[in-house]
Amino acid sequence: MLPDPLQLCRDRQAKNTLEARAPKIARQIPAAIIWLFLGSMIAALSGVQAQAQNSAAPSPPPHLSLPVPVSRPLATPRSARADFRGGSASLAVRRVADWVVASADNGSLPFVIIDKKDAEVFVFDRQGQILGAAPALLGLAVGDDSAPGIGDKPLSAIPPKDRTTPAGRFLAYLGHHPGKPNFLWVDYKDNIALHRVVNGKPQDQRLHRLATPTPLDNRISFGCINVPVDFFEQTVLPAFKSSKGIVYILPEIKATRDFFSDYFDVDQ
């Protein structure tokens, strides 16, 4: 039986179509394989990464799964302060006294702070506890420095404008002169001392000036610091009887750091 010409034509057409599509299918097969391979690799890497993260951060045991309270930093220890035993003092005096104690600037020696603005004297022991306070008479002139060479002049040669009580930090010690009452040397070079009040001239009225409640009339001396007799004998003498000490005279015009270079505010 002879083949059907129409069937032969269809078979030939199908063959030609398959041969025409073969190169395209051949090109598509490698691309599909590549995408399938990349997809498998990505899935595998994702699984490894998830496993690593789970291993790095394991779930806490049930008894530790409750929230843990956040700990607060400990408060900064408060610096040592001077002890005024409830007594009154200006802010400037308190700040300097606190600095002396906190920094140990007094070197374990008793110390005195003189407030020229309020005309007061404060005596502390070596630990910074106040021993006593009293009003004082100070230099007639307002100022923080001594005139050059003033220590070599007799009192009669010192003009009123140079009669200042200098500001600064001084190493003080008791002085003894035969036949004269003892006193606390503050600045030996410029003849500045802390001593019992002297009567002076009648018109000076020094005892009266010490007794008034205002510091406005306490400027009368040549520069020395005059204090009540009882205060000197009962407070100053016992504090310095067997030891030297430090006297801090606060400035009244210039800044505190101009005279106490290491000064700092303990509250800052």
Protein backbone atom coordinates (compact mmCIF):
# COMPACT_ATOMS: atom_id res chain seq x y z
CA MET A 1 0.00 0.00 0.00
CA LEU A 2 1.44 3.28 -1.06
CA PRO A 3 1.83 5.97 1.58
CA ASP A 4 -0.68 8.69 1.73
CA PRO A 5 0.84 11.83 0.16
CA LEU A 6 -1.06 14.07 2.56
CA GLN A 7 0.29 12.18 5.60
CA LEU A 8 3.82 12.41 4.23
CA CYS A 9 3.39 16.14 3.86
CA ARG A 10 2.17 16.46 7.48
CA ASP A 11 5.06 14.33 8.78
CA ARG A 12 7.55 16.42 6.90
CA GLN A 13 6.02 19.66 8.18
CA ALA A 14 6.11 18.41 11.81
CA LYS A 15 9.75 17.39 11.36
CA ASN A 16 10.64 20.79 9.99
CA THR A 17 8.84 22.49 12.90
CA LEU A 18 10.67 20.33 15.46
CA GLU A 19 13.99 21.01 13.82
CA ALA A 20 13.26 24.72 13.85
CA ARG A 21 12.35 24.72 17.56
CA ALA A 22 15.26 22.51 18.62
CA PRO A 23 17.90 25.27 18.85
CA LYS A 24 15.56 27.48 20.91
CA ILE A 25 14.69 24.64 23.30
CA ALA A 26 18.36 23.80 23.56
CA ARG A 27 19.08 27.37 24.57
CA GLN A 28 16.24 27.47 27.13
CA ILE A 29 17.25 24.26 28.93
CA PRO A 30 20.66 25.51 30.19
CA ALA A 31 19.08 28.80 31.44
CA ALA A 32 16.43 26.93 33.39
CA ILE A 33 19.09 24.70 34.91
CA ILE A 34 21.15 27.77 35.96
CA TRP A 35 18.17 29.48 37.61
CA LEU A 36 17.23 26.26 39.37
CA PHE A 37 20.83 25.94 40.67
CA LEU A 38 20.96 29.56 41.87
CA GLY A 39 17.62 29.18 43.63
CA SER A 40 18.87 26.11 45.45
CA MET A 41 22.05 27.89 46.53
CA ILE A 42 20.13 30.92 47.88
CA ALA A 43 17.77 28.71 49.84
CA ALA A 44 20.72 26.78 51.27
CA LEU A 45 22.57 29.94 52.31
CA SER A 46 19.43 31.36 53.95
CA GLY A 47 19.06 28.23 56.00
CA VAL A 48 22.70 28.36 57.13
CA GLN A 49 22.38 32.01 58.13
CA ALA A 50 19.18 31.40 60.10
CA GLN A 51 20.82 28.47 61.85
CA ALA A 52 23.86 30.61 62.75
CA GLN A 53 21.65 33.36 64.16
CA ASN A 54 19.69 30.90 66.21
CA SER A 55 22.91 29.43 67.55
CA ALA A 56 24.37 32.88 68.43
CA ALA A 57 21.28 33.98 70.35
CA PRO A 58 19.75 30.95 72.04
CA SER A 59 16.47 31.36 73.82
CA PRO A 60 16.87 31.90 77.57
CA PRO A 61 15.80 29.12 79.91
CA PRO A 62 12.25 29.47 81.23
CA HIS A 63 13.45 30.62 84.68
CA LEU A 64 15.44 33.48 83.10
CA SER A 65 12.85 34.59 80.59
CA LEU A 66 11.41 37.32 82.86
CA PRO A 67 12.50 40.94 82.17
CA VAL A 68 15.73 41.83 83.99
CA PRO A 69 15.66 45.26 85.74
CA VAL A 70 18.14 47.78 84.34
CA SER A 71 20.79 48.68 86.91
CA ARG A 72 21.37 52.41 87.54
CA PRO A 73 24.87 53.84 87.87
CA LEU A 74 25.99 54.49 91.42
CA ALA A 75 25.87 58.10 92.57
CA THR A 76 29.18 59.94 92.53
CA PRO A 77 30.64 60.02 96.07
CA ARG A 78 30.31 63.44 97.62
CA SER A 79 33.58 65.26 98.18
CA ALA A 80 34.74 66.09 101.69
CA ARG A 81 33.46 69.41 102.99
CA ALA A 82 34.33 71.82 105.74
CA ASP A 83 32.18 71.51 108.84
CA PHE A 84 30.79 74.85 110.04
CA ARG A 85 28.75 73.16 112.79
CA GLY A 86 25.67 75.02 111.69
CA GLY A 87 27.35 78.43 111.89
CA SER A 88 26.81 81.18 109.35
CA ALA A 89 29.38 82.19 106.73
CA SER A 90 29.39 83.86 103.35
CA LEU A 91 29.23 81.77 100.20
CA ALA A 92 32.81 82.78 99.36
CA VAL A 93 34.07 81.49 102.70
CA ARG A 94 32.18 78.20 102.37
CA ARG A 95 33.47 77.60 98.86
CA VAL A 96 37.09 78.21 99.80
CA ALA A 97 36.77 76.13 102.99
CA ASP A 98 35.24 73.23 101.03
CA TRP A 99 38.02 73.47 98.45
CA VAL A 100 40.70 73.45 101.16
CA VAL A 101 39.25 70.29 102.70
CA ALA A 102 38.43 68.51 99.42
CA SER A 103 41.87 69.19 97.93
CA ALA A 104 43.81 68.95 101.21
CA ASP A 105 45.42 72.27 100.29
CA ASN A 106 46.14 72.92 103.96
CA GLY A 107 48.50 69.93 104.09
CA SER A 108 46.99 68.56 107.32
CA LEU A 109 47.61 71.87 109.10
CA PRO A 110 45.07 74.04 110.92
CA PHE A 111 43.89 76.90 108.76
CA VAL A 112 42.22 80.30 108.94
CA ILE A 113 39.97 82.00 106.40
CA ILE A 114 39.64 85.78 106.57
CA ASP A 115 36.66 87.33 104.81
CA LYS A 116 37.53 90.95 104.20
CA LYS A 117 34.15 91.89 102.75
CA ASP A 118 32.31 90.77 105.87
CA ALA A 119 35.24 91.46 108.24
CA GLU A 120 35.20 87.98 109.78
CA VAL A 121 37.79 85.38 110.79
CA PHE A 122 37.17 81.61 110.75
CA VAL A 123 39.55 79.13 112.39
CA PHE A 124 39.51 75.42 111.43
CA ASP A 125 41.35 72.38 112.68
CA ARG A 126 43.41 70.24 110.34
CA GLN A 127 40.35 68.15 109.30
CA GLY A 128 38.30 71.20 108.37
CA GLN A 129 36.06 71.41 111.42
CA ILE A 130 35.49 74.95 112.57
CA LEU A 131 36.94 75.89 115.94
CA GLY A 132 35.50 79.38 116.11
CA ALA A 133 34.64 82.58 114.27
CA ALA A 134 34.79 86.24 115.22
CA PRO A 135 34.61 89.75 113.75
CA ALA A 136 37.87 91.44 112.81
CA LEU A 137 39.35 94.85 112.15
CA LEU A 138 41.23 95.11 108.87
CA GLY A 139 43.35 97.49 106.84
CA LEU A 140 41.92 100.94 106.32
CA ALA A 141 42.32 100.87 102.52
CA VAL A 142 40.38 98.60 100.17
CA GLY A 143 42.71 96.48 98.08
CA ASP A 144 44.22 93.03 97.64
CA ASP A 145 47.93 93.82 97.32
CA SER A 146 50.61 95.26 99.57
CA ALA A 147 52.50 98.34 98.44
CA PRO A 148 56.12 97.53 97.46
CA GLY A 149 58.52 97.80 100.40
CA ILE A 150 55.79 98.53 102.92
CA GLY A 151 57.28 96.09 105.41
CA ASP A 152 60.40 98.24 105.75
CA LYS A 153 58.52 101.43 106.63
CA PRO A 154 57.55 102.65 110.08
CA LEU A 155 53.80 102.89 110.63
CA SER A 156 53.96 106.68 110.59
CA ALA A 157 55.34 106.57 107.04
CA ILE A 158 52.53 104.45 105.56
CA PRO A 159 49.91 106.64 103.82
CA PRO A 160 46.22 105.71 104.23
CA LYS A 161 45.95 104.43 100.62
CA ASP A 162 48.61 101.79 101.32
CA ARG A 163 47.07 100.45 104.53
CA THR A 164 45.66 97.29 102.95
CA THR A 165 45.24 93.75 104.21
CA PRO A 166 46.69 91.71 101.33
CA ALA A 167 44.86 88.71 99.89
CA GLY A 168 46.57 85.37 99.43
CA ARG A 169 47.66 82.08 100.95
CA PHE A 170 50.20 82.40 103.76
CA LEU A 171 52.14 79.99 105.98
CA ALA A 172 51.41 81.30 109.47
CA TYR A 173 53.11 80.72 112.82
CA LEU A 174 53.06 82.21 116.30
CA GLY A 175 55.57 84.95 116.97
CA HIS A 176 57.12 85.76 120.31
CA HIS A 177 58.83 89.00 121.22
CA PRO A 178 60.31 89.47 124.71
CA GLY A 179 58.02 91.62 126.80
CA LYS A 180 55.27 91.69 124.14
CA PRO A 181 52.14 89.57 123.70
CA ASN A 182 52.39 86.80 121.15
CA PHE A 183 50.67 87.06 117.77
CA LEU A 184 50.19 85.02 114.60
CA TRP A 185 52.54 86.02 111.81
CA VAL A 186 50.73 85.96 108.46
CA ASP A 187 53.12 87.79 106.14
CA TYR A 188 56.38 88.48 107.96
CA LYS A 189 57.93 90.31 105.01
CA ASP A 190 55.20 92.95 104.93
CA ASN A 191 54.58 92.99 108.72
CA ILE A 192 51.07 91.53 108.52
CA ALA A 193 49.91 89.63 111.61
CA LEU A 194 46.73 88.43 113.27
CA HIS A 195 46.66 89.55 116.90
CA ARG A 196 44.54 90.69 119.80
CA VAL A 197 42.79 93.98 119.23
CA VAL A 198 44.91 96.97 120.28
CA ASN A 199 43.38 100.09 121.72
CA GLY A 200 45.19 102.48 119.39
CA LYS A 201 44.15 106.07 119.51
CA PRO A 202 40.99 106.90 121.48
CA GLN A 203 39.31 108.19 118.35
CA ASP A 204 39.84 104.83 116.67
CA GLN A 205 37.23 103.22 118.94
CA ARG A 206 38.47 99.76 117.98
CA LEU A 207 36.56 97.84 120.64
CA HIS A 208 33.36 99.60 119.64
CA ARG A 209 33.94 98.83 115.97
CA LEU A 210 34.34 95.13 116.76
CA ALA A 211 31.08 95.15 118.71
CA THR A 212 28.89 96.69 116.02
CA PRO A 213 26.92 94.26 113.79
CA THR A 214 28.02 95.91 110.54
CA PRO A 215 31.37 95.40 108.78
CA LEU A 216 31.28 98.92 107.37
CA ASP A 217 33.22 100.37 110.32
CA ASN A 218 35.81 97.59 110.63
CA ARG A 219 38.43 99.18 108.35
CA ILE A 220 40.85 100.98 110.65
CA SER A 221 44.22 99.17 110.95
CA PHE A 222 47.48 99.58 109.07
CA GLY A 223 46.90 96.14 107.51
CA CYS A 224 47.01 93.72 110.44
CA ILE A 225 44.00 91.65 111.48
CA ASN A 226 42.68 92.59 114.94
CA VAL A 227 40.41 90.10 116.71
CA PRO A 228 38.75 90.04 120.17
CA VAL A 229 41.13 89.10 122.98
CA ASP A 230 39.06 86.11 124.12
CA PHE A 231 38.88 84.74 120.59
CA PHE A 232 42.63 85.00 120.14
CA GLU A 233 43.42 83.32 123.45
CA GLN A 234 40.76 80.62 123.36
CA THR A 235 40.70 79.76 119.65
CA VAL A 236 43.77 81.01 117.77
CA LEU A 237 46.43 80.19 120.35
CA PRO A 238 45.34 76.56 120.97
CA ALA A 239 45.11 75.89 117.22
CA PHE A 240 48.63 77.17 116.47
CA LYS A 241 50.38 76.52 119.78
CA SER A 242 52.19 73.42 118.56
CA SER A 243 51.83 73.75 114.81
CA LYS A 244 52.17 76.10 111.92
CA GLY A 245 49.11 76.66 109.77
CA ILE A 246 47.72 78.22 106.62
CA VAL A 247 45.93 81.56 106.46
CA TYR A 248 43.70 82.27 103.45
CA ILE A 249 42.80 85.94 103.06
CA LEU A 250 40.02 86.25 100.49
CA PRO A 251 40.28 89.01 97.88
CA GLU A 252 37.75 91.81 97.84
CA ILE A 253 38.45 93.17 94.34
CA LYS A 254 40.22 90.52 92.29
CA ALA A 255 39.10 86.98 91.48
CA THR A 256 39.69 84.11 93.90
CA ARG A 257 41.84 82.21 91.37
CA ASP A 258 44.16 85.20 91.09
CA PHE A 259 45.46 84.26 94.55
CA PHE A 260 44.61 80.56 94.81
CA SER A 261 45.64 79.13 91.44
CA ASP A 262 44.52 75.59 92.27
CA TYR A 263 41.10 76.67 93.50
CA PHE A 264 38.00 74.92 92.13
CA ASP A 265 34.34 74.96 93.04
CA VAL A 266 33.56 71.66 94.78
CA ASP A 267 29.92 71.89 93.63
CA GLN A 268 30.83 71.90 89.94
